[in-house]
Amino acid sequence: YDQDVGHGVQGALDRTVAYWQDWVRKLYLPLDYQEAVIRAAITLKL
């Protein structure tokens, strides 16, 4: 592991959160049931 593991994992966390939130931001969501749709969509991608 070519960096300080604490800083490296925290940086990866920040960038991972940013990636997923940006992916969700581009979804066309229905007005209702958004929490359910977002979680289903993320898991289908997984």
All heavy atoms as atom14 arrays in JSON, in Angstrom:
{
  "sequence": "YDQDVGHGVQGALDRTVAYWQDWVRKLYLPLDYQEAVIRAAITLKL",
  "atom14_mask": [
    [1, 1, 1, 1, 1, 1, 1, 1, 1, 1, 1, 1, 0, 0],
    [1, 1, 1, 1, 1, 1, 1, 1, 0, 0, 0, 0, 0, 0],
    [1, 1, 1, 1, 1, 1, 1, 1, 1, 0, 0, 0, 0, 0],
    [1, 1, 1, 1, 1, 1, 1, 1, 0, 0, 0, 0, 0, 0],
    [1, 1, 1, 1, 1, 1, 1, 0, 0, 0, 0, 0, 0, 0],
    [1, 1, 1, 1, 0, 0, 0, 0, 0, 0, 0, 0, 0, 0],
    [1, 1, 1, 1, 1, 1, 1, 1, 1, 1, 0, 0, 0, 0],
    [1, 1, 1, 1, 0, 0, 0, 0, 0, 0, 0, 0, 0, 0],
    [1, 1, 1, 1, 1, 1, 1, 0, 0, 0, 0, 0, 0, 0],
    [1, 1, 1, 1, 1, 1, 1, 1, 1, 0, 0, 0, 0, 0],
    [1, 1, 1, 1, 0, 0, 0, 0, 0, 0, 0, 0, 0, 0],
    [1, 1, 1, 1, 1, 0, 0, 0, 0, 0, 0, 0, 0, 0],
    [1, 1, 1, 1, 1, 1, 1, 1, 0, 0, 0, 0, 0, 0],
    [1, 1, 1, 1, 1, 1, 1, 1, 0, 0, 0, 0, 0, 0],
    [1, 1, 1, 1, 1, 1, 1, 1, 1, 1, 1, 0, 0, 0],
    [1, 1, 1, 1, 1, 1, 1, 0, 0, 0, 0, 0, 0, 0],
    [1, 1, 1, 1, 1, 1, 1, 0, 0, 0, 0, 0, 0, 0],
    [1, 1, 1, 1, 1, 0, 0, 0, 0, 0, 0, 0, 0, 0],
    [1, 1, 1, 1, 1, 1, 1, 1, 1, 1, 1, 1, 0, 0],
    [1, 1, 1, 1, 1, 1, 1, 1, 1, 1, 1, 1, 1, 1],
    [1, 1, 1, 1, 1, 1, 1, 1, 1, 0, 0, 0, 0, 0],
    [1, 1, 1, 1, 1, 1, 1, 1, 0, 0, 0, 0, 0, 0],
    [1, 1, 1, 1, 1, 1, 1, 1, 1, 1, 1, 1, 1, 1],
    [1, 1, 1, 1, 1, 1, 1, 0, 0, 0, 0, 0, 0, 0],
    [1, 1, 1, 1, 1, 1, 1, 1, 1, 1, 1, 0, 0, 0],
    [1, 1, 1, 1, 1, 1, 1, 1, 1, 0, 0, 0, 0, 0],
    [1, 1, 1, 1, 1, 1, 1, 1, 0, 0, 0, 0, 0, 0],
    [1, 1, 1, 1, 1, 1, 1, 1, 1, 1, 1, 1, 0, 0],
    [1, 1, 1, 1, 1, 1, 1, 1, 0, 0, 0, 0, 0, 0],
    [1, 1, 1, 1, 1, 1, 1, 0, 0, 0, 0, 0, 0, 0],
    [1, 1, 1, 1, 1, 1, 1, 1, 0, 0, 0, 0, 0, 0],
    [1, 1, 1, 1, 1, 1, 1, 1, 0, 0, 0, 0, 0, 0],
    [1, 1, 1, 1, 1, 1, 1, 1, 1, 1, 1, 1, 0, 0],
    [1, 1, 1, 1, 1, 1, 1, 1, 1, 0, 0, 0, 0, 0],
    [1, 1, 1, 1, 1, 1, 1, 1, 1, 0, 0, 0, 0, 0],
    [1, 1, 1, 1, 1, 0, 0, 0, 0, 0, 0, 0, 0, 0],
    [1, 1, 1, 1, 1, 1, 1, 0, 0, 0, 0, 0, 0, 0],
    [1, 1, 1, 1, 1, 1, 1, 1, 0, 0, 0, 0, 0, 0],
    [1, 1, 1, 1, 1, 1, 1, 1, 1, 1, 1, 0, 0, 0],
    [1, 1, 1, 1, 1, 0, 0, 0, 0, 0, 0, 0, 0, 0],
    [1, 1, 1, 1, 1, 0, 0, 0, 0, 0, 0, 0, 0, 0],
    [1, 1, 1, 1, 1, 1, 1, 1, 0, 0, 0, 0, 0, 0],
    [1, 1, 1, 1, 1, 1, 1, 0, 0, 0, 0, 0, 0, 0],
    [1, 1, 1, 1, 1, 1, 1, 1, 0, 0, 0, 0, 0, 0],
    [1, 1, 1, 1, 1, 1, 1, 1, 1, 0, 0, 0, 0, 0],
    [1, 1, 1, 1, 1, 1, 1, 1, 0, 0, 0, 0, 0, 0]
  ],
  "atom14_positions": [
    [[0.88, -1.17, 0.0], [0.0, 0.0, 0.0], [0.91, 1.22, 0.0], [1.64, 1.46, 0.96], [-0.91, -0.03, 1.23], [-2.09, 0.91, 1.15], [-3.25, 0.53, 0.5], [-2.04, 2.18, 1.73], [-4.34, 1.38, 0.42], [-3.12, 3.04, 1.66], [-4.28, 2.63, 1.0], [-5.35, 3.48, 0.92], [0.0, 0.0, 0.0], [0.0, 0.0, 0.0]],
    [[0.87, 2.01, -1.08], [1.94, 2.98, -1.34], [1.7, 4.35, -0.71], [2.24, 5.35, -1.18], [2.15, 3.14, -2.85], [0.9, 3.64, -3.56], [-0.14, 3.83, -2.89], [0.97, 3.82, -4.79], [0.0, 0.0, 0.0], [0.0, 0.0, 0.0], [0.0, 0.0, 0.0], [0.0, 0.0, 0.0], [0.0, 0.0, 0.0], [0.0, 0.0, 0.0]],
    [[0.9, 4.42, 0.34], [0.66, 5.69, 1.03], [0.25, 5.41, 2.47], [0.02, 4.27, 2.85], [-0.41, 6.49, 0.31], [-1.74, 5.77, 0.17], [-2.74, 6.54, -0.67], [-2.99, 7.71, -0.41], [-3.32, 5.89, -1.68], [0.0, 0.0, 0.0], [0.0, 0.0, 0.0], [0.0, 0.0, 0.0], [0.0, 0.0, 0.0], [0.0, 0.0, 0.0]],
    [[0.18, 6.45, 3.26], [-0.32, 6.32, 4.62], [-1.73, 5.75, 4.57], [-2.61, 6.31, 3.9], [-0.33, 7.69, 5.3], [-0.92, 7.63, 6.7], [-0.17, 7.34, 7.63], [-2.14, 7.85, 6.82], [0.0, 0.0, 0.0], [0.0, 0.0, 0.0], [0.0, 0.0, 0.0], [0.0, 0.0, 0.0], [0.0, 0.0, 0.0], [0.0, 0.0, 0.0]],
    [[-1.96, 4.63, 5.25], [-3.22, 3.92, 5.08], [-4.4, 4.73, 5.6], [-5.5, 4.71, 5.03], [-3.15, 2.52, 5.73], [-3.02, 2.61, 7.25], [-4.36, 1.69, 5.34], [0.0, 0.0, 0.0], [0.0, 0.0, 0.0], [0.0, 0.0, 0.0], [0.0, 0.0, 0.0], [0.0, 0.0, 0.0], [0.0, 0.0, 0.0], [0.0, 0.0, 0.0]],
    [[-4.2, 5.49, 6.68], [-5.29, 6.29, 7.21], [-5.74, 7.35, 6.23], [-6.94, 7.48, 5.91], [0.0, 0.0, 0.0], [0.0, 0.0, 0.0], [0.0, 0.0, 0.0], [0.0, 0.0, 0.0], [0.0, 0.0, 0.0], [0.0, 0.0, 0.0], [0.0, 0.0, 0.0], [0.0, 0.0, 0.0], [0.0, 0.0, 0.0], [0.0, 0.0, 0.0]],
    [[-4.78, 8.13, 5.72], [-5.1, 9.18, 4.74], [-5.6, 8.55, 3.43], [-6.51, 9.07, 2.78], [-3.88, 10.06, 4.47], [-3.52, 10.92, 5.64], [-4.38, 11.86, 6.18], [-2.38, 10.98, 6.38], [-3.79, 12.47, 7.2], [-2.59, 11.95, 7.35], [0.0, 0.0, 0.0], [0.0, 0.0, 0.0], [0.0, 0.0, 0.0], [0.0, 0.0, 0.0]],
    [[-4.99, 7.43, 3.03], [-5.37, 6.8, 1.77], [-6.79, 6.28, 1.79], [-7.57, 6.49, 0.84], [0.0, 0.0, 0.0], [0.0, 0.0, 0.0], [0.0, 0.0, 0.0], [0.0, 0.0, 0.0], [0.0, 0.0, 0.0], [0.0, 0.0, 0.0], [0.0, 0.0, 0.0], [0.0, 0.0, 0.0], [0.0, 0.0, 0.0], [0.0, 0.0, 0.0]],
    [[-7.18, 5.58, 2.87], [-8.53, 5.04, 2.95], [-9.56, 6.17, 3.1], [-10.63, 6.12, 2.47], [-8.63, 4.03, 4.11], [-10.08, 3.62, 4.34], [-7.79, 2.8, 3.8], [0.0, 0.0, 0.0], [0.0, 0.0, 0.0], [0.0, 0.0, 0.0], [0.0, 0.0, 0.0], [0.0, 0.0, 0.0], [0.0, 0.0, 0.0], [0.0, 0.0, 0.0]],
    [[-9.22, 7.2, 3.87], [-10.16, 8.32, 4.01], [-10.34, 9.04, 2.67], [-11.46, 9.4, 2.29], [-9.66, 9.32, 5.06], [-10.58, 10.51, 5.29], [-11.96, 10.11, 5.81], [-12.05, 9.37, 6.79], [-13.01, 10.57, 5.15], [0.0, 0.0, 0.0], [0.0, 0.0, 0.0], [0.0, 0.0, 0.0], [0.0, 0.0, 0.0], [0.0, 0.0, 0.0]],
    [[-9.26, 9.2, 1.92], [-9.37, 9.82, 0.6], [-10.2, 8.98, -0.35], [-11.02, 9.51, -1.11], [0.0, 0.0, 0.0], [0.0, 0.0, 0.0], [0.0, 0.0, 0.0], [0.0, 0.0, 0.0], [0.0, 0.0, 0.0], [0.0, 0.0, 0.0], [0.0, 0.0, 0.0], [0.0, 0.0, 0.0], [0.0, 0.0, 0.0], [0.0, 0.0, 0.0]],
    [[-10.01, 7.65, -0.3], [-10.81, 6.76, -1.15], [-12.28, 6.83, -0.76], [-13.17, 6.78, -1.62], [-10.29, 5.33, -1.04], [0.0, 0.0, 0.0], [0.0, 0.0, 0.0], [0.0, 0.0, 0.0], [0.0, 0.0, 0.0], [0.0, 0.0, 0.0], [0.0, 0.0, 0.0], [0.0, 0.0, 0.0], [0.0, 0.0, 0.0], [0.0, 0.0, 0.0]],
    [[-12.55, 6.94, 0.54], [-13.92, 7.08, 1.0], [-14.56, 8.35, 0.46], [-15.67, 8.32, -0.08], [-13.95, 7.09, 2.53], [-15.3, 7.46, 3.17], [-16.37, 6.45, 2.8], [-15.15, 7.57, 4.7], [0.0, 0.0, 0.0], [0.0, 0.0, 0.0], [0.0, 0.0, 0.0], [0.0, 0.0, 0.0], [0.0, 0.0, 0.0], [0.0, 0.0, 0.0]],
    [[-13.87, 9.45, 0.58], [-14.43, 10.73, 0.11], [-14.72, 10.67, -1.39], [-15.77, 11.13, -1.85], [-13.45, 11.87, 0.41], [-13.28, 12.12, 1.9], [-14.15, 11.69, 2.68], [-12.25, 12.74, 2.27], [0.0, 0.0, 0.0], [0.0, 0.0, 0.0], [0.0, 0.0, 0.0], [0.0, 0.0, 0.0], [0.0, 0.0, 0.0], [0.0, 0.0, 0.0]],
    [[-13.78, 10.1, -2.15], [-13.98, 10.04, -3.6], [-15.07, 9.03, -3.98], [-15.8, 9.24, -4.96], [-12.66, 9.69, -4.29], [-11.62, 10.82, -4.23], [-10.4, 10.52, -5.07], [-9.59, 9.46, -4.5], [-8.64, 9.63, -3.59], [-8.39, 10.86, -3.11], [-7.93, 8.61, -3.14], [0.0, 0.0, 0.0], [0.0, 0.0, 0.0], [0.0, 0.0, 0.0]],
    [[-15.19, 7.94, -3.21], [-16.24, 6.95, -3.48], [-17.62, 7.53, -3.21], [-18.55, 7.35, -4.0], [-16.0, 5.69, -2.63], [-14.75, 5.09, -3.0], [-17.11, 4.67, -2.82], [0.0, 0.0, 0.0], [0.0, 0.0, 0.0], [0.0, 0.0, 0.0], [0.0, 0.0, 0.0], [0.0, 0.0, 0.0], [0.0, 0.0, 0.0], [0.0, 0.0, 0.0]],
    [[-17.76, 8.23, -2.1], [-19.03, 8.89, -1.81], [-19.38, 9.88, -2.92], [-20.52, 9.93, -3.4], [-18.97, 9.6, -0.44], [-20.17, 10.53, -0.25], [-18.91, 8.58, 0.69], [0.0, 0.0, 0.0], [0.0, 0.0, 0.0], [0.0, 0.0, 0.0], [0.0, 0.0, 0.0], [0.0, 0.0, 0.0], [0.0, 0.0, 0.0], [0.0, 0.0, 0.0]],
    [[-18.4, 10.66, -3.35], [-18.64, 11.65, -4.41], [-19.06, 10.97, -5.71], [-19.96, 11.46, -6.42], [-17.4, 12.51, -4.64], [0.0, 0.0, 0.0], [0.0, 0.0, 0.0], [0.0, 0.0, 0.0], [0.0, 0.0, 0.0], [0.0, 0.0, 0.0], [0.0, 0.0, 0.0], [0.0, 0.0, 0.0], [0.0, 0.0, 0.0], [0.0, 0.0, 0.0]],
    [[-18.41, 9.83, -6.05], [-18.77, 9.12, -7.27], [-20.23, 8.7, -7.24], [-21.0, 8.95, -8.19], [-17.89, 7.87, -7.48], [-18.46, 6.99, -8.56], [-18.21, 7.24, -9.89], [-19.34, 5.94, -8.24], [-18.79, 6.47, -10.9], [-19.93, 5.17, -9.23], [-19.65, 5.44, -10.56], [-20.26, 4.7, -11.55], [0.0, 0.0, 0.0], [0.0, 0.0, 0.0]],
    [[-20.66, 8.03, -6.17], [-22.02, 7.49, -6.13], [-23.06, 8.6, -6.08], [-24.11, 8.51, -6.73], [-22.17, 6.54, -4.95], [-21.51, 5.22, -5.2], [-20.31, 4.79, -4.71], [-22.0, 4.17, -6.03], [-20.03, 3.53, -5.18], [-21.05, 3.12, -5.99], [-23.15, 4.0, -6.8], [-21.22, 1.92, -6.7], [-23.33, 2.82, -7.5], [-22.37, 1.79, -7.45]],
    [[-22.79, 9.63, -5.32], [-23.77, 10.71, -5.24], [-23.9, 11.44, -6.57], [-24.99, 11.89, -6.94], [-23.39, 11.67, -4.11], [-23.57, 11.02, -2.73], [-23.25, 11.94, -1.58], [-22.59, 12.98, -1.74], [-23.7, 11.59, -0.39], [0.0, 0.0, 0.0], [0.0, 0.0, 0.0], [0.0, 0.0, 0.0], [0.0, 0.0, 0.0], [0.0, 0.0, 0.0]],
    [[-22.82, 11.52, -7.32], [-22.9, 12.11, -8.65], [-23.67, 11.2, -9.6], [-24.46, 11.68, -10.43], [-21.49, 12.38, -9.19], [-21.51, 13.1, -10.53], [-22.02, 14.23, -10.58], [-21.03, 12.53, -11.53], [0.0, 0.0, 0.0], [0.0, 0.0, 0.0], [0.0, 0.0, 0.0], [0.0, 0.0, 0.0], [0.0, 0.0, 0.0], [0.0, 0.0, 0.0]],
    [[-23.47, 9.87, -9.49], [-24.21, 8.93, -10.34], [-25.71, 9.04, -10.07], [-26.52, 9.1, -11.0], [-23.72, 7.5, -10.09], [-24.34, 6.48, -11.0], [-24.01, 6.22, -12.3], [-25.43, 5.59, -10.68], [-24.82, 5.22, -12.8], [-25.68, 4.81, -11.84], [-26.18, 5.37, -9.52], [-26.68, 3.83, -11.86], [-27.18, 4.4, -9.55], [-27.41, 3.64, -10.72]],
    [[-26.08, 9.08, -8.8], [-27.5, 9.19, -8.45], [-28.08, 10.51, -8.93], [-29.22, 10.58, -9.38], [-27.69, 9.01, -6.93], [-29.1, 9.39, -6.5], [-27.37, 7.57, -6.51], [0.0, 0.0, 0.0], [0.0, 0.0, 0.0], [0.0, 0.0, 0.0], [0.0, 0.0, 0.0], [0.0, 0.0, 0.0], [0.0, 0.0, 0.0], [0.0, 0.0, 0.0]],
    [[-27.27, 11.57, -8.84], [-27.73, 12.9, -9.24], [-28.18, 12.94, -10.7], [-29.04, 13.74, -11.08], [-26.62, 13.93, -9.02], [-27.0, 15.37, -9.24], [-25.85, 16.29, -8.86], [-24.68, 16.06, -9.68], [-24.47, 16.62, -10.86], [-25.37, 17.44, -11.38], [-23.37, 16.37, -11.54], [0.0, 0.0, 0.0], [0.0, 0.0, 0.0], [0.0, 0.0, 0.0]],
    [[-27.66, 12.05, -11.53], [-27.98, 12.04, -12.96], [-29.17, 11.14, -13.3], [-29.56, 11.07, -14.46], [-26.75, 11.59, -13.75], [-25.56, 12.55, -13.61], [-24.31, 11.98, -14.24], [-23.13, 12.91, -14.03], [-21.86, 12.32, -14.53], [0.0, 0.0, 0.0], [0.0, 0.0, 0.0], [0.0, 0.0, 0.0], [0.0, 0.0, 0.0], [0.0, 0.0, 0.0]],
    [[-29.73, 10.47, -12.29], [-30.88, 9.61, -12.56], [-32.14, 10.46, -12.73], [-32.31, 11.5, -12.09], [-31.1, 8.63, -11.39], [-30.02, 7.61, -11.11], [-30.4, 6.76, -9.9], [-29.74, 6.72, -12.31], [0.0, 0.0, 0.0], [0.0, 0.0, 0.0], [0.0, 0.0, 0.0], [0.0, 0.0, 0.0], [0.0, 0.0, 0.0], [0.0, 0.0, 0.0]],
    [[-33.02, 9.96, -13.6], [-34.34, 10.58, -13.73], [-35.28, 9.84, -12.79], [-35.64, 8.69, -13.04], [-34.85, 10.51, -15.17], [-36.21, 11.15, -15.32], [-36.33, 12.53, -15.39], [-37.36, 10.37, -15.35], [-37.57, 13.13, -15.49], [-38.61, 10.96, -15.46], [-38.71, 12.34, -15.53], [-39.94, 12.94, -15.62], [0.0, 0.0, 0.0], [0.0, 0.0, 0.0]],
    [[-35.67, 10.5, -11.7], [-36.44, 9.85, -10.65], [-37.91, 10.23, -10.72], [-38.26, 11.34, -11.13], [-35.9, 10.25, -9.27], [-34.47, 9.83, -8.95], [-34.05, 10.41, -7.61], [-34.33, 8.31, -8.93], [0.0, 0.0, 0.0], [0.0, 0.0, 0.0], [0.0, 0.0, 0.0], [0.0, 0.0, 0.0], [0.0, 0.0, 0.0], [0.0, 0.0, 0.0]],
    [[-38.79, 9.33, -10.29], [-40.19, 9.72, -10.13], [-40.32, 10.68, -8.95], [-39.42, 10.77, -8.1], [-40.89, 8.39, -9.84], [-39.84, 7.54, -9.2], [-38.55, 7.93, -9.87], [0.0, 0.0, 0.0], [0.0, 0.0, 0.0], [0.0, 0.0, 0.0], [0.0, 0.0, 0.0], [0.0, 0.0, 0.0], [0.0, 0.0, 0.0], [0.0, 0.0, 0.0]],
    [[-41.42, 11.39, -8.9], [-41.63, 12.33, -7.8], [-41.76, 11.6, -6.47], [-41.19, 12.02, -5.45], [-42.89, 13.16, -8.07], [-43.35, 14.12, -6.96], [-42.28, 15.15, -6.66], [-44.66, 14.79, -7.38], [0.0, 0.0, 0.0], [0.0, 0.0, 0.0], [0.0, 0.0, 0.0], [0.0, 0.0, 0.0], [0.0, 0.0, 0.0], [0.0, 0.0, 0.0]],
    [[-42.49, 10.5, -6.46], [-42.71, 9.73, -5.24], [-41.77, 8.53, -5.17], [-41.19, 8.12, -6.16], [-44.17, 9.24, -5.2], [-45.16, 10.39, -5.21], [-44.91, 11.39, -4.52], [-46.17, 10.27, -5.94], [0.0, 0.0, 0.0], [0.0, 0.0, 0.0], [0.0, 0.0, 0.0], [0.0, 0.0, 0.0], [0.0, 0.0, 0.0], [0.0, 0.0, 0.0]],
    [[-41.62, 7.98, -3.97], [-40.86, 6.74, -3.73], [-39.38, 6.89, -4.07], [-38.72, 5.9, -4.41], [-41.45, 5.57, -4.53], [-42.94, 5.45, -4.47], [-43.72, 5.67, -5.6], [-43.6, 5.1, -3.28], [-45.11, 5.56, -5.57], [-44.99, 4.98, -3.24], [-45.73, 5.22, -4.39], [-47.1, 5.1, -4.36], [0.0, 0.0, 0.0], [0.0, 0.0, 0.0]],
    [[-38.83, 8.07, -3.95], [-37.45, 8.27, -4.41], [-36.44, 7.47, -3.61], [-35.49, 6.92, -4.17], [-37.1, 9.76, -4.39], [-37.84, 10.54, -5.45], [-37.33, 11.96, -5.6], [-36.23, 12.3, -5.18], [-38.14, 12.81, -6.22], [0.0, 0.0, 0.0], [0.0, 0.0, 0.0], [0.0, 0.0, 0.0], [0.0, 0.0, 0.0], [0.0, 0.0, 0.0]],
    [[-36.62, 7.4, -2.31], [-35.66, 6.65, -1.48], [-35.61, 5.19, -1.93], [-34.53, 4.6, -2.07], [-36.05, 6.76, -0.01], [-35.21, 5.89, 0.94], [-35.73, 4.47, 1.09], [-36.96, 4.27, 0.99], [-34.92, 3.55, 1.29], [0.0, 0.0, 0.0], [0.0, 0.0, 0.0], [0.0, 0.0, 0.0], [0.0, 0.0, 0.0], [0.0, 0.0, 0.0]],
    [[-36.78, 4.6, -2.17], [-36.83, 3.2, -2.58], [-36.19, 3.0, -3.95], [-35.46, 2.03, -4.18], [-38.28, 2.72, -2.6], [0.0, 0.0, 0.0], [0.0, 0.0, 0.0], [0.0, 0.0, 0.0], [0.0, 0.0, 0.0], [0.0, 0.0, 0.0], [0.0, 0.0, 0.0], [0.0, 0.0, 0.0], [0.0, 0.0, 0.0], [0.0, 0.0, 0.0]],
    [[-36.46, 3.92, -4.87], [-35.92, 3.81, -6.23], [-34.4, 3.98, -6.23], [-33.67, 3.22, -6.89], [-36.59, 4.83, -7.16], [-35.87, 4.91, -8.5], [-38.05, 4.48, -7.37], [0.0, 0.0, 0.0], [0.0, 0.0, 0.0], [0.0, 0.0, 0.0], [0.0, 0.0, 0.0], [0.0, 0.0, 0.0], [0.0, 0.0, 0.0], [0.0, 0.0, 0.0]],
    [[-33.91, 4.94, -5.49], [-32.45, 5.17, -5.44], [-31.74, 3.94, -4.89], [-30.73, 3.49, -5.46], [-32.13, 6.42, -4.59], [-32.55, 7.69, -5.34], [-30.65, 6.48, -4.24], [-32.49, 8.94, -4.5], [0.0, 0.0, 0.0], [0.0, 0.0, 0.0], [0.0, 0.0, 0.0], [0.0, 0.0, 0.0], [0.0, 0.0, 0.0], [0.0, 0.0, 0.0]],
    [[-32.26, 3.38, -3.81], [-31.57, 2.22, -3.22], [-31.63, 1.03, -4.17], [-30.65, 0.29, -4.32], [-32.22, 1.87, -1.88], [-31.51, 0.78, -1.1], [-30.04, 1.02, -0.93], [-29.75, 2.36, -0.44], [-28.56, 2.93, -0.53], [-27.54, 2.3, -1.11], [-28.36, 4.16, -0.07], [0.0, 0.0, 0.0], [0.0, 0.0, 0.0], [0.0, 0.0, 0.0]],
    [[-32.77, 0.83, -4.83], [-32.86, -0.28, -5.79], [-31.9, -0.07, -6.95], [-31.23, -1.01, -7.4], [-34.3, -0.4, -6.3], [0.0, 0.0, 0.0], [0.0, 0.0, 0.0], [0.0, 0.0, 0.0], [0.0, 0.0, 0.0], [0.0, 0.0, 0.0], [0.0, 0.0, 0.0], [0.0, 0.0, 0.0], [0.0, 0.0, 0.0], [0.0, 0.0, 0.0]],
    [[-31.81, 1.16, -7.45], [-30.94, 1.44, -8.6], [-29.47, 1.23, -8.24], [-28.7, 0.63, -9.01], [-31.16, 2.86, -9.09], [0.0, 0.0, 0.0], [0.0, 0.0, 0.0], [0.0, 0.0, 0.0], [0.0, 0.0, 0.0], [0.0, 0.0, 0.0], [0.0, 0.0, 0.0], [0.0, 0.0, 0.0], [0.0, 0.0, 0.0], [0.0, 0.0, 0.0]],
    [[-29.05, 1.72, -7.09], [-27.66, 1.54, -6.66], [-27.34, 0.05, -6.55], [-26.28, -0.42, -7.02], [-27.41, 2.24, -5.31], [-27.38, 3.76, -5.5], [-26.11, 1.76, -4.67], [-27.3, 4.54, -4.19], [0.0, 0.0, 0.0], [0.0, 0.0, 0.0], [0.0, 0.0, 0.0], [0.0, 0.0, 0.0], [0.0, 0.0, 0.0], [0.0, 0.0, 0.0]],
    [[-28.24, -0.72, -5.97], [-27.97, -2.15, -5.77], [-27.97, -2.91, -7.08], [-27.17, -3.84, -7.27], [-28.98, -2.73, -4.78], [-29.01, -1.92, -3.59], [-28.6, -4.14, -4.39], [0.0, 0.0, 0.0], [0.0, 0.0, 0.0], [0.0, 0.0, 0.0], [0.0, 0.0, 0.0], [0.0, 0.0, 0.0], [0.0, 0.0, 0.0], [0.0, 0.0, 0.0]],
    [[-28.84, -2.53, -8.01], [-28.78, -3.15, -9.34], [-27.42, -2.88, -9.99], [-26.85, -3.76, -10.64], [-29.91, -2.63, -10.22], [-31.31, -3.14, -9.9], [-32.34, -2.49, -10.82], [-31.4, -4.66, -10.01], [0.0, 0.0, 0.0], [0.0, 0.0, 0.0], [0.0, 0.0, 0.0], [0.0, 0.0, 0.0], [0.0, 0.0, 0.0], [0.0, 0.0, 0.0]],
    [[-26.92, -1.69, -9.82], [-25.59, -1.38, -10.37], [-24.51, -2.24, -9.7], [-23.56, -2.68, -10.36], [-25.28, 0.11, -10.22], [-23.97, 0.54, -10.87], [-23.83, 2.06, -10.85], [-22.45, 2.53, -11.31], [-22.23, 2.29, -12.75], [0.0, 0.0, 0.0], [0.0, 0.0, 0.0], [0.0, 0.0, 0.0], [0.0, 0.0, 0.0], [0.0, 0.0, 0.0]],
    [[-24.66, -2.5, -8.41], [-23.7, -3.36, -7.72], [-23.73, -4.78, -8.24], [-22.75, -5.52, -8.11], [-23.98, -3.37, -6.21], [-23.78, -2.07, -5.44], [-24.0, -2.31, -3.95], [-22.39, -1.49, -5.67], [0.0, 0.0, 0.0], [0.0, 0.0, 0.0], [0.0, 0.0, 0.0], [0.0, 0.0, 0.0], [0.0, 0.0, 0.0], [0.0, 0.0, 0.0]]
  ]
}
